[in-house]
Amino acid sequence: MELKVKKRNGHEVHRVNGTAEIKEVLGSADLFEQKNQIVQVCFRGEHCSGIFELSGDEAKGLSKELNRVTKAGNKFKIMKLRE
């Protein structure tokens, strides 16, 4: 995947570009509050690495949009991650 990030530092905008591979997708939820679901996507590249978090609603919206774009059917599933 290709990363393009912009960060504002005062009046300056810093841009960071890099390539990375998704290494893990983690999910967590509170047993008592299912609305507090979090999906974490962990990635690592040669010059960059990190984790980005999505709320449960954001993850569902992303999945829905990916399905629409890729026309892959009703479900989107990562079958194999490159190592």
PDB file of N, CA and C in Angstrom:
ATOM      1  N   MET A   1       0.847  -1.158   0.000  1.00  0.00           N
ATOM      2  CA  MET A   1       0.000   0.000   0.000  1.00  0.00           C
ATOM      3  C   MET A   1       0.892   1.220   0.000  1.00  0.00           C
ATOM      4  N   GLU A   2       0.391   2.273  -0.546  1.00  0.00           N
ATOM      5  CA  GLU A   2       1.142   3.524  -0.580  1.00  0.00           C
ATOM      6  C   GLU A   2       0.535   4.491   0.418  1.00  0.00           C
ATOM      7  N   LEU A   3       1.384   5.105   1.225  1.00  0.00           N
ATOM      8  CA  LEU A   3       0.941   6.039   2.257  1.00  0.00           C
ATOM      9  C   LEU A   3       1.245   7.460   1.838  1.00  0.00           C
ATOM     10  N   LYS A   4       0.286   8.325   2.047  1.00  0.00           N
ATOM     11  CA  LYS A   4       0.470   9.758   1.799  1.00  0.00           C
ATOM     12  C   LYS A   4      -0.164  10.478   2.976  1.00  0.00           C
ATOM     13  N   VAL A   5       0.670  11.128   3.791  1.00  0.00           N
ATOM     14  CA  VAL A   5       0.197  11.764   5.019  1.00  0.00           C
ATOM     15  C   VAL A   5       0.615  13.223   5.021  1.00  0.00           C
ATOM     16  N   LYS A   6      -0.312  14.080   5.436  1.00  0.00           N
ATOM     17  CA  LYS A   6       0.007  15.494   5.606  1.00  0.00           C
ATOM     18  C   LYS A   6      -0.187  15.838   7.077  1.00  0.00           C
ATOM     19  N   LYS A   7       0.757  16.600   7.636  1.00  0.00           N
ATOM     20  CA  LYS A   7       0.665  17.019   9.024  1.00  0.00           C
ATOM     21  C   LYS A   7       0.964  18.503   9.108  1.00  0.00           C
ATOM     22  N   ARG A   8       0.082  19.226   9.754  1.00  0.00           N
ATOM     23  CA  ARG A   8       0.276  20.662   9.920  1.00  0.00           C
ATOM     24  C   ARG A   8       1.103  20.912  11.173  1.00  0.00           C
ATOM     25  N   ASN A   9       2.140  21.712  11.022  1.00  0.00           N
ATOM     26  CA  ASN A   9       3.002  22.088  12.132  1.00  0.00           C
ATOM     27  C   ASN A   9       3.080  23.612  12.131  1.00  0.00           C
ATOM     28  N   GLY A  10       2.200  24.241  12.911  1.00  0.00           N
ATOM     29  CA  GLY A  10       2.134  25.695  12.881  1.00  0.00           C
ATOM     30  C   GLY A  10       1.560  26.140  11.554  1.00  0.00           C
ATOM     31  N   HIS A  11       2.321  26.929  10.806  1.00  0.00           N
ATOM     32  CA  HIS A  11       1.876  27.400   9.497  1.00  0.00           C
ATOM     33  C   HIS A  11       2.408  26.539   8.357  1.00  0.00           C
ATOM     34  N   GLU A  12       3.228  25.553   8.669  1.00  0.00           N
ATOM     35  CA  GLU A  12       3.809  24.686   7.650  1.00  0.00           C
ATOM     36  C   GLU A  12       3.036  23.380   7.551  1.00  0.00           C
ATOM     37  N   VAL A  13       3.030  22.807   6.368  1.00  0.00           N
ATOM     38  CA  VAL A  13       2.441  21.495   6.149  1.00  0.00           C
ATOM     39  C   VAL A  13       3.553  20.556   5.725  1.00  0.00           C
ATOM     40  N   HIS A  14       3.732  19.476   6.480  1.00  0.00           N
ATOM     41  CA  HIS A  14       4.748  18.476   6.160  1.00  0.00           C
ATOM     42  C   HIS A  14       4.062  17.285   5.505  1.00  0.00           C
ATOM     43  N   ARG A  15       4.634  16.807   4.417  1.00  0.00           N
ATOM     44  CA  ARG A  15       4.095  15.662   3.704  1.00  0.00           C
ATOM     45  C   ARG A  15       5.049  14.482   3.861  1.00  0.00           C
ATOM     46  N   VAL A  16       4.471  13.325   4.096  1.00  0.00           N
ATOM     47  CA  VAL A  16       5.242  12.104   4.231  1.00  0.00           C
ATOM     48  C   VAL A  16       4.657  11.088   3.253  1.00  0.00           C
ATOM     49  N   ASN A  17       5.503  10.536   2.408  1.00  0.00           N
ATOM     50  CA  ASN A  17       5.098   9.503   1.458  1.00  0.00           C
ATOM     51  C   ASN A  17       5.913   8.251   1.720  1.00  0.00           C
ATOM     52  N   GLY A  18       5.310   7.107   1.533  1.00  0.00           N
ATOM     53  CA  GLY A  18       6.030   5.860   1.720  1.00  0.00           C
ATOM     54  C   GLY A  18       5.213   4.687   1.217  1.00  0.00           C
ATOM     55  N   THR A  19       5.856   3.553   1.142  1.00  0.00           N
ATOM     56  CA  THR A  19       5.161   2.326   0.786  1.00  0.00           C
ATOM     57  C   THR A  19       5.339   1.341   1.927  1.00  0.00           C
ATOM     58  N   ALA A  20       4.303   0.561   2.160  1.00  0.00           N
ATOM     59  CA  ALA A  20       4.327  -0.398   3.260  1.00  0.00           C
ATOM     60  C   ALA A  20       3.384  -1.542   2.940  1.00  0.00           C
ATOM     61  N   GLU A  21       3.503  -2.601   3.706  1.00  0.00           N
ATOM     62  CA  GLU A  21       2.622  -3.749   3.579  1.00  0.00           C
ATOM     63  C   GLU A  21       1.836  -3.890   4.871  1.00  0.00           C
ATOM     64  N   ILE A  22       0.594  -4.311   4.746  1.00  0.00           N
ATOM     65  CA  ILE A  22      -0.220  -4.561   5.931  1.00  0.00           C
ATOM     66  C   ILE A  22       0.274  -5.854   6.566  1.00  0.00           C
ATOM     67  N   LYS A  23       0.620  -5.780   7.843  1.00  0.00           N
ATOM     68  CA  LYS A  23       1.133  -6.949   8.545  1.00  0.00           C
ATOM     69  C   LYS A  23       0.066  -7.618   9.398  1.00  0.00           C
ATOM     70  N   GLU A  24      -0.814  -6.824  10.022  1.00  0.00           N
ATOM     71  CA  GLU A  24      -1.842  -7.380  10.896  1.00  0.00           C
ATOM     72  C   GLU A  24      -3.076  -6.504  10.869  1.00  0.00           C
ATOM     73  N   VAL A  25      -4.208  -7.119  11.056  1.00  0.00           N
ATOM     74  CA  VAL A  25      -5.458  -6.398  11.273  1.00  0.00           C
ATOM     75  C   VAL A  25      -6.027  -6.941  12.571  1.00  0.00           C
ATOM     76  N   LEU A  26      -6.146  -6.059  13.567  1.00  0.00           N
ATOM     77  CA  LEU A  26      -6.604  -6.461  14.893  1.00  0.00           C
ATOM     78  C   LEU A  26      -7.948  -5.825  15.187  1.00  0.00           C
ATOM     79  N   GLY A  27      -8.769  -6.523  15.918  1.00  0.00           N
ATOM     80  CA  GLY A  27     -10.051  -5.981  16.332  1.00  0.00           C
ATOM     81  C   GLY A  27     -10.211  -6.129  17.823  1.00  0.00           C
ATOM     82  N   SER A  28     -10.816  -5.143  18.451  1.00  0.00           N
ATOM     83  CA  SER A  28     -11.090  -5.240  19.876  1.00  0.00           C
ATOM     84  C   SER A  28     -12.420  -4.572  20.158  1.00  0.00           C
ATOM     85  N   ALA A  29     -13.100  -5.083  21.183  1.00  0.00           N
ATOM     86  CA  ALA A  29     -14.387  -4.513  21.572  1.00  0.00           C
ATOM     87  C   ALA A  29     -14.570  -4.726  23.062  1.00  0.00           C
ATOM     88  N   ASP A  30     -15.252  -3.804  23.669  1.00  0.00           N
ATOM     89  CA  ASP A  30     -15.619  -3.915  25.068  1.00  0.00           C
ATOM     90  C   ASP A  30     -16.759  -4.918  25.167  1.00  0.00           C
ATOM     91  N   LEU A  31     -16.679  -5.851  26.088  1.00  0.00           N
ATOM     92  CA  LEU A  31     -17.717  -6.866  26.208  1.00  0.00           C
ATOM     93  C   LEU A  31     -19.074  -6.261  26.544  1.00  0.00           C
ATOM     94  N   PHE A  32     -19.079  -5.177  27.310  1.00  0.00           N
ATOM     95  CA  PHE A  32     -20.327  -4.576  27.746  1.00  0.00           C
ATOM     96  C   PHE A  32     -20.817  -3.483  26.802  1.00  0.00           C
ATOM     97  N   GLU A  33     -19.928  -2.868  26.063  1.00  0.00           N
ATOM     98  CA  GLU A  33     -20.283  -1.780  25.153  1.00  0.00           C
ATOM     99  C   GLU A  33     -19.784  -2.120  23.759  1.00  0.00           C
ATOM    100  N   GLN A  34     -20.604  -2.766  22.961  1.00  0.00           N
ATOM    101  CA  GLN A  34     -20.215  -3.160  21.612  1.00  0.00           C
ATOM    102  C   GLN A  34     -20.003  -1.963  20.687  1.00  0.00           C
ATOM    103  N   LYS A  35     -20.516  -0.792  21.066  1.00  0.00           N
ATOM    104  CA  LYS A  35     -20.338   0.397  20.236  1.00  0.00           C
ATOM    105  C   LYS A  35     -18.900   0.897  20.256  1.00  0.00           C
ATOM    106  N   ASN A  36     -18.121   0.444  21.214  1.00  0.00           N
ATOM    107  CA  ASN A  36     -16.729   0.893  21.348  1.00  0.00           C
ATOM    108  C   ASN A  36     -15.752  -0.020  20.624  1.00  0.00           C
ATOM    109  N   GLN A  37     -16.157  -0.583  19.499  1.00  0.00           N
ATOM    110  CA  GLN A  37     -15.273  -1.449  18.720  1.00  0.00           C
ATOM    111  C   GLN A  37     -14.170  -0.620  18.070  1.00  0.00           C
ATOM    112  N   ILE A  38     -12.980  -1.219  18.002  1.00  0.00           N
ATOM    113  CA  ILE A  38     -11.841  -0.576  17.346  1.00  0.00           C
ATOM    114  C   ILE A  38     -11.171  -1.607  16.445  1.00  0.00           C
ATOM    115  N   VAL A  39     -10.862  -1.186  15.235  1.00  0.00           N
ATOM    116  CA  VAL A  39     -10.105  -2.018  14.297  1.00  0.00           C
ATOM    117  C   VAL A  39      -8.762  -1.323  14.082  1.00  0.00           C
ATOM    118  N   GLN A  40      -7.667  -2.055  14.307  1.00  0.00           N
ATOM    119  CA  GLN A  40      -6.328  -1.511  14.120  1.00  0.00           C
ATOM    120  C   GLN A  40      -5.673  -2.197  12.931  1.00  0.00           C
ATOM    121  N   VAL A  41      -5.111  -1.400  12.035  1.00  0.00           N
ATOM    122  CA  VAL A  41      -4.390  -1.919  10.880  1.00  0.00           C
ATOM    123  C   VAL A  41      -2.915  -1.576  11.085  1.00  0.00           C
ATOM    124  N   CYS A  42      -2.092  -2.607  11.205  1.00  0.00           N
ATOM    125  CA  CYS A  42      -0.656  -2.437  11.455  1.00  0.00           C
ATOM    126  C   CYS A  42       0.082  -2.612  10.129  1.00  0.00           C
ATOM    127  N   PHE A  43       0.977  -1.682   9.834  1.00  0.00           N
ATOM    128  CA  PHE A  43       1.711  -1.746   8.574  1.00  0.00           C
ATOM    129  C   PHE A  43       3.184  -1.476   8.835  1.00  0.00           C
ATOM    130  N   ARG A  44       4.016  -1.970   7.893  1.00  0.00           N
ATOM    131  CA  ARG A  44       5.458  -1.768   8.003  1.00  0.00           C
ATOM    132  C   ARG A  44       6.063  -1.737   6.614  1.00  0.00           C
ATOM    133  N   GLY A  45       6.934  -0.766   6.405  1.00  0.00           N
ATOM    134  CA  GLY A  45       7.662  -0.636   5.159  1.00  0.00           C
ATOM    135  C   GLY A  45       9.139  -0.459   5.450  1.00  0.00           C
ATOM    136  N   GLU A  46       9.894  -0.173   4.418  1.00  0.00           N
ATOM    137  CA  GLU A  46      11.336  -0.012   4.587  1.00  0.00           C
ATOM    138  C   GLU A  46      11.659   1.248   5.387  1.00  0.00           C
ATOM    139  N   HIS A  47      10.916   2.330   5.128  1.00  0.00           N
ATOM    140  CA  HIS A  47      11.204   3.598   5.791  1.00  0.00           C
ATOM    141  C   HIS A  47      10.049   4.111   6.636  1.00  0.00           C
ATOM    142  N   CYS A  48       9.007   3.314   6.811  1.00  0.00           N
ATOM    143  CA  CYS A  48       7.859   3.776   7.591  1.00  0.00           C
ATOM    144  C   CYS A  48       7.147   2.585   8.220  1.00  0.00           C
ATOM    145  N   SER A  49       6.497   2.841   9.315  1.00  0.00           N
ATOM    146  CA  SER A  49       5.666   1.828   9.959  1.00  0.00           C
ATOM    147  C   SER A  49       4.677   2.542  10.857  1.00  0.00           C
ATOM    148  N   GLY A  50       3.627   1.845  11.225  1.00  0.00           N
ATOM    149  CA  GLY A  50       2.665   2.456  12.113  1.00  0.00           C
ATOM    150  C   GLY A  50       1.391   1.649  12.225  1.00  0.00           C
ATOM    151  N   ILE A  51       0.454   2.241  12.930  1.00  0.00           N
ATOM    152  CA  ILE A  51      -0.852   1.640  13.157  1.00  0.00           C
ATOM    153  C   ILE A  51      -1.881   2.726  12.931  1.00  0.00           C
ATOM    154  N   PHE A  52      -2.946   2.408  12.208  1.00  0.00           N
ATOM    155  CA  PHE A  52      -4.052   3.352  12.192  1.00  0.00           C
ATOM    156  C   PHE A  52      -5.298   2.641  12.707  1.00  0.00           C
ATOM    157  N   GLU A  53      -6.085   3.396  13.459  1.00  0.00           N
ATOM    158  CA  GLU A  53      -7.259   2.850  14.112  1.00  0.00           C
ATOM    159  C   GLU A  53      -8.527   3.384  13.461  1.00  0.00           C
ATOM    160  N   LEU A  54      -9.503   2.504  13.356  1.00  0.00           N
ATOM    161  CA  LEU A  54     -10.810   2.864  12.837  1.00  0.00           C
ATOM    162  C   LEU A  54     -11.853   2.477  13.880  1.00  0.00           C
ATOM    163  N   SER A  55     -12.866   3.298  14.021  1.00  0.00           N
ATOM    164  CA  SER A  55     -13.982   2.902  14.879  1.00  0.00           C
ATOM    165  C   SER A  55     -14.762   1.814  14.142  1.00  0.00           C
ATOM    166  N   GLY A  56     -15.640   1.135  14.847  1.00  0.00           N
ATOM    167  CA  GLY A  56     -16.442   0.097  14.222  1.00  0.00           C
ATOM    168  C   GLY A  56     -17.265   0.629  13.057  1.00  0.00           C
ATOM    169  N   ASP A  57     -17.849   1.826  13.232  1.00  0.00           N
ATOM    170  CA  ASP A  57     -18.653   2.415  12.160  1.00  0.00           C
ATOM    171  C   ASP A  57     -17.794   2.794  10.957  1.00  0.00           C
ATOM    172  N   GLU A  58     -16.582   3.321  11.212  1.00  0.00           N
ATOM    173  CA  GLU A  58     -15.680   3.670  10.107  1.00  0.00           C
ATOM    174  C   GLU A  58     -15.258   2.418   9.347  1.00  0.00           C
ATOM    175  N   ALA A  59     -14.976   1.324  10.074  1.00  0.00           N
ATOM    176  CA  ALA A  59     -14.567   0.075   9.434  1.00  0.00           C
ATOM    177  C   ALA A  59     -15.702  -0.487   8.573  1.00  0.00           C
ATOM    178  N   LYS A  60     -16.936  -0.422   9.079  1.00  0.00           N
ATOM    179  CA  LYS A  60     -18.081  -0.900   8.303  1.00  0.00           C
ATOM    180  C   LYS A  60     -18.273  -0.052   7.051  1.00  0.00           C
ATOM    181  N   GLY A  61     -18.123   1.262   7.188  1.00  0.00           N
ATOM    182  CA  GLY A  61     -18.255   2.152   6.032  1.00  0.00           C
ATOM    183  C   GLY A  61     -17.173   1.905   5.000  1.00  0.00           C
ATOM    184  N   LEU A  62     -15.945   1.688   5.470  1.00  0.00           N
ATOM    185  CA  LEU A  62     -14.836   1.400   4.566  1.00  0.00           C
ATOM    186  C   LEU A  62     -15.077   0.086   3.829  1.00  0.00           C
ATOM    187  N   SER A  63     -15.507  -0.926   4.551  1.00  0.00           N
ATOM    188  CA  SER A  63     -15.790  -2.219   3.932  1.00  0.00           C
ATOM    189  C   SER A  63     -16.885  -2.087   2.879  1.00  0.00           C
ATOM    190  N   LYS A  64     -17.915  -1.335   3.200  1.00  0.00           N
ATOM    191  CA  LYS A  64     -19.017  -1.133   2.252  1.00  0.00           C
ATOM    192  C   LYS A  64     -18.526  -0.424   0.989  1.00  0.00           C
ATOM    193  N   GLU A  65     -17.702   0.596   1.170  1.00  0.00           N
ATOM    194  CA  GLU A  65     -17.188   1.338   0.022  1.00  0.00           C
ATOM    195  C   GLU A  65     -16.232   0.488  -0.814  1.00  0.00           C
ATOM    196  N   LEU A  66     -15.388  -0.312  -0.163  1.00  0.00           N
ATOM    197  CA  LEU A  66     -14.483  -1.204  -0.896  1.00  0.00           C
ATOM    198  C   LEU A  66     -15.274  -2.228  -1.702  1.00  0.00           C
ATOM    199  N   ASN A  67     -16.331  -2.741  -1.124  1.00  0.00           N
ATOM    200  CA  ASN A  67     -17.178  -3.690  -1.860  1.00  0.00           C
ATOM    201  C   ASN A  67     -17.772  -3.039  -3.089  1.00  0.00           C
ATOM    202  N   ARG A  68     -18.223  -1.802  -2.945  1.00  0.00           N
ATOM    203  CA  ARG A  68     -18.822  -1.102  -4.075  1.00  0.00           C
ATOM    204  C   ARG A  68     -17.790  -0.866  -5.168  1.00  0.00           C
ATOM    205  N   VAL A  69     -16.597  -0.455  -4.767  1.00  0.00           N
ATOM    206  CA  VAL A  69     -15.553  -0.124  -5.741  1.00  0.00           C
ATOM    207  C   VAL A  69     -15.027  -1.369  -6.438  1.00  0.00           C
ATOM    208  N   THR A  70     -14.785  -2.416  -5.693  1.00  0.00           N
ATOM    209  CA  THR A  70     -14.184  -3.613  -6.279  1.00  0.00           C
ATOM    210  C   THR A  70     -15.214  -4.568  -6.860  1.00  0.00           C
ATOM    211  N   LYS A  71     -16.495  -4.342  -6.548  1.00  0.00           N
ATOM    212  CA  LYS A  71     -17.573  -5.213  -7.018  1.00  0.00           C
ATOM    213  C   LYS A  71     -17.263  -6.674  -6.705  1.00  0.00           C
ATOM    214  N   ALA A  72     -16.798  -6.912  -5.472  1.00  0.00           N
ATOM    215  CA  ALA A  72     -16.376  -8.257  -5.071  1.00  0.00           C
ATOM    216  C   ALA A  72     -17.494  -9.055  -4.404  1.00  0.00           C
ATOM    217  N   GLY A  73     -18.675  -8.543  -4.371  1.00  0.00           N
ATOM    218  CA  GLY A  73     -19.761  -9.256  -3.712  1.00  0.00           C
ATOM    219  C   GLY A  73     -20.171  -8.545  -2.432  1.00  0.00           C
ATOM    220  N   ASN A  74     -20.768  -9.284  -1.534  1.00  0.00           N
ATOM    221  CA  ASN A  74     -21.301  -8.683  -0.313  1.00  0.00           C
ATOM    222  C   ASN A  74     -20.273  -8.542   0.799  1.00  0.00           C
ATOM    223  N   LYS A  75     -19.208  -9.304   0.762  1.00  0.00           N
ATOM    224  CA  LYS A  75     -18.223  -9.257   1.837  1.00  0.00           C
ATOM    225  C   LYS A  75     -16.845  -8.965   1.268  1.00  0.00           C
ATOM    226  N   PHE A  76     -16.031  -8.271   2.051  1.00  0.00           N
ATOM    227  CA  PHE A  76     -14.652  -7.986   1.671  1.00  0.00           C
ATOM    228  C   PHE A  76     -13.757  -8.692   2.668  1.00  0.00           C
ATOM    229  N   LYS A  77     -12.861  -9.496   2.185  1.00  0.00           N
ATOM    230  CA  LYS A  77     -12.011 -10.274   3.069  1.00  0.00           C
ATOM    231  C   LYS A  77     -10.605 -10.319   2.503  1.00  0.00           C
ATOM    232  N   ILE A  78      -9.604 -10.110   3.351  1.00  0.00           N
ATOM    233  CA  ILE A  78      -8.210 -10.242   2.931  1.00  0.00           C
ATOM    234  C   ILE A  78      -7.848 -11.716   3.042  1.00  0.00           C
ATOM    235  N   MET A  79      -7.544 -12.314   1.923  1.00  0.00           N
ATOM    236  CA  MET A  79      -7.268 -13.747   1.911  1.00  0.00           C
ATOM    237  C   MET A  79      -5.834 -14.062   2.321  1.00  0.00           C
ATOM    238  N   LYS A  80      -4.876 -13.241   1.846  1.00  0.00           N
ATOM    239  CA  LYS A  80      -3.483 -13.505   2.167  1.00  0.00           C
ATOM    240  C   LYS A  80      -2.732 -12.184   2.167  1.00  0.00           C
ATOM    241  N   LEU A  81      -1.945 -11.981   3.193  1.00  0.00           N
ATOM    242  CA  LEU A  81      -1.103 -10.786   3.271  1.00  0.00           C
ATOM    243  C   LEU A  81       0.298 -11.160   2.816  1.00  0.00           C
ATOM    244  N   ARG A  82       0.897 -10.256   2.064  1.00  0.00           N
ATOM    245  CA  ARG A  82       2.279 -10.506   1.617  1.00  0.00           C
ATOM    246  C   ARG A  82       3.219 -10.379   2.806  1.00  0.00           C
ATOM    247  N   GLU A  83       4.256 -11.187   2.829  1.00  0.00           N
ATOM    248  CA  GLU A  83       5.248 -11.127   3.902  1.00  0.00           C
ATOM    249  C   GLU A  83       6.548 -10.566   3.397  1.00  0.00           C
TER     250      GLU A  83
END
